[in-house]
Amino acid sequence: MTQAEIIERINAFLVDEFEVDAEKIAPDANLRETLGLDSLDYVDLVVIIESNFGFKVVAEDFINISTFQNFYDYVGRKVAEKATV
């Protein structure tokens, strides 16, 4: 899966599942502020990530994710790691 495919898939489920305005999704935008998710929404986000990309999300990994680009890179790394196992 390419980085472009990962970004496209992430953006699609953010718009569909969390009703985020697609125009607000930008690589350097603040993830938490843009999404405006509460703690239950984060649980939903984790479930969607795990089902879409097939890896287990570790809560501690989200500590350093502040922008959409951080998020895309995180998912890309996990997908690549899974592919090499």
Protein backbone atom coordinates (compact mmCIF):
# COMPACT_ATOMS: atom_id res chain seq x y z
CA MET A 1 0.00 0.00 0.00
CA THR A 2 1.44 3.36 -1.00
CA GLN A 3 1.52 6.47 1.19
CA ALA A 4 -0.99 8.12 -1.18
CA GLU A 5 -3.39 5.18 -0.76
CA ILE A 6 -3.02 5.35 3.02
CA ILE A 7 -3.75 9.09 3.04
CA GLU A 8 -6.75 8.65 0.75
CA ARG A 9 -8.20 5.88 2.92
CA ILE A 10 -7.64 7.80 6.17
CA ASN A 11 -9.18 10.99 4.80
CA ALA A 12 -12.17 9.06 3.45
CA PHE A 13 -13.03 7.47 6.80
CA LEU A 14 -12.48 10.73 8.67
CA VAL A 15 -15.00 12.44 6.39
CA ASP A 16 -17.46 9.52 6.39
CA GLU A 17 -17.28 8.33 9.99
CA PHE A 18 -16.45 11.54 11.86
CA GLU A 19 -18.05 14.09 9.52
CA VAL A 20 -14.85 16.10 9.23
CA ASP A 21 -14.87 18.79 6.54
CA ALA A 22 -12.46 17.48 3.88
CA GLU A 23 -11.15 21.00 3.29
CA LYS A 24 -9.90 21.17 6.89
CA ILE A 25 -7.75 18.06 6.48
CA ALA A 26 -4.21 19.19 5.66
CA PRO A 27 -0.85 17.57 6.44
CA ASP A 28 0.21 20.36 8.81
CA ALA A 29 -3.21 20.85 10.47
CA ASN A 30 -3.51 19.95 14.15
CA LEU A 31 -5.18 16.54 14.33
CA ARG A 32 -6.92 16.96 17.69
CA GLU A 33 -8.20 20.48 17.00
CA THR A 34 -9.41 19.67 13.49
CA LEU A 35 -11.18 16.45 14.45
CA GLY A 36 -12.56 17.70 17.76
CA LEU A 37 -12.85 14.14 19.03
CA ASP A 38 -13.75 13.15 22.56
CA SER A 39 -12.39 10.04 24.28
CA LEU A 40 -15.13 7.79 22.89
CA ASP A 41 -14.42 9.07 19.39
CA TYR A 42 -10.76 8.11 19.84
CA VAL A 43 -11.85 4.57 20.66
CA ASP A 44 -13.87 4.52 17.44
CA LEU A 45 -10.89 5.92 15.53
CA VAL A 46 -8.64 3.15 16.88
CA VAL A 47 -11.16 0.47 15.89
CA ILE A 48 -11.44 1.91 12.38
CA ILE A 49 -7.66 2.12 11.97
CA GLU A 50 -7.23 -1.47 13.14
CA SER A 51 -9.96 -2.79 10.84
CA ASN A 52 -8.81 -0.79 7.81
CA PHE A 53 -5.10 -1.39 8.10
CA GLY A 54 -4.81 -4.66 10.03
CA PHE A 55 -2.50 -3.68 12.88
CA LYS A 56 -2.97 -3.15 16.60
CA VAL A 57 -2.87 0.47 17.74
CA VAL A 58 -0.96 1.18 20.95
CA ALA A 59 -2.32 4.15 22.91
CA GLU A 60 1.18 5.40 23.71
CA ASP A 61 1.85 5.80 19.98
CA PHE A 62 -0.71 8.59 19.82
CA ILE A 63 1.17 10.76 22.32
CA ASN A 64 3.53 12.11 19.65
CA ILE A 65 0.91 12.48 16.92
CA SER A 66 -0.08 16.11 16.62
CA THR A 67 -0.62 16.70 12.89
CA PHE A 68 -2.30 14.79 10.09
CA GLN A 69 1.16 14.18 8.60
CA ASN A 70 2.27 12.57 11.88
CA PHE A 71 -0.85 10.40 11.70
CA TYR A 72 -0.24 9.41 8.06
CA ASP A 73 3.40 8.61 8.83
CA TYR A 74 2.43 6.51 11.86
CA VAL A 75 -0.06 4.44 9.87
CA GLY A 76 2.42 4.13 6.98
CA ARG A 77 5.13 2.85 9.34
CA LYS A 78 2.79 0.32 10.95
CA VAL A 79 1.56 -0.93 7.57
CA ALA A 80 5.17 -1.30 6.37
CA GLU A 81 6.15 -3.15 9.57
CA LYS A 82 3.22 -5.51 9.15
CA ALA A 83 4.23 -6.20 5.55
CA THR A 84 7.74 -7.26 6.57
CA VAL A 85 6.60 -9.70 9.26
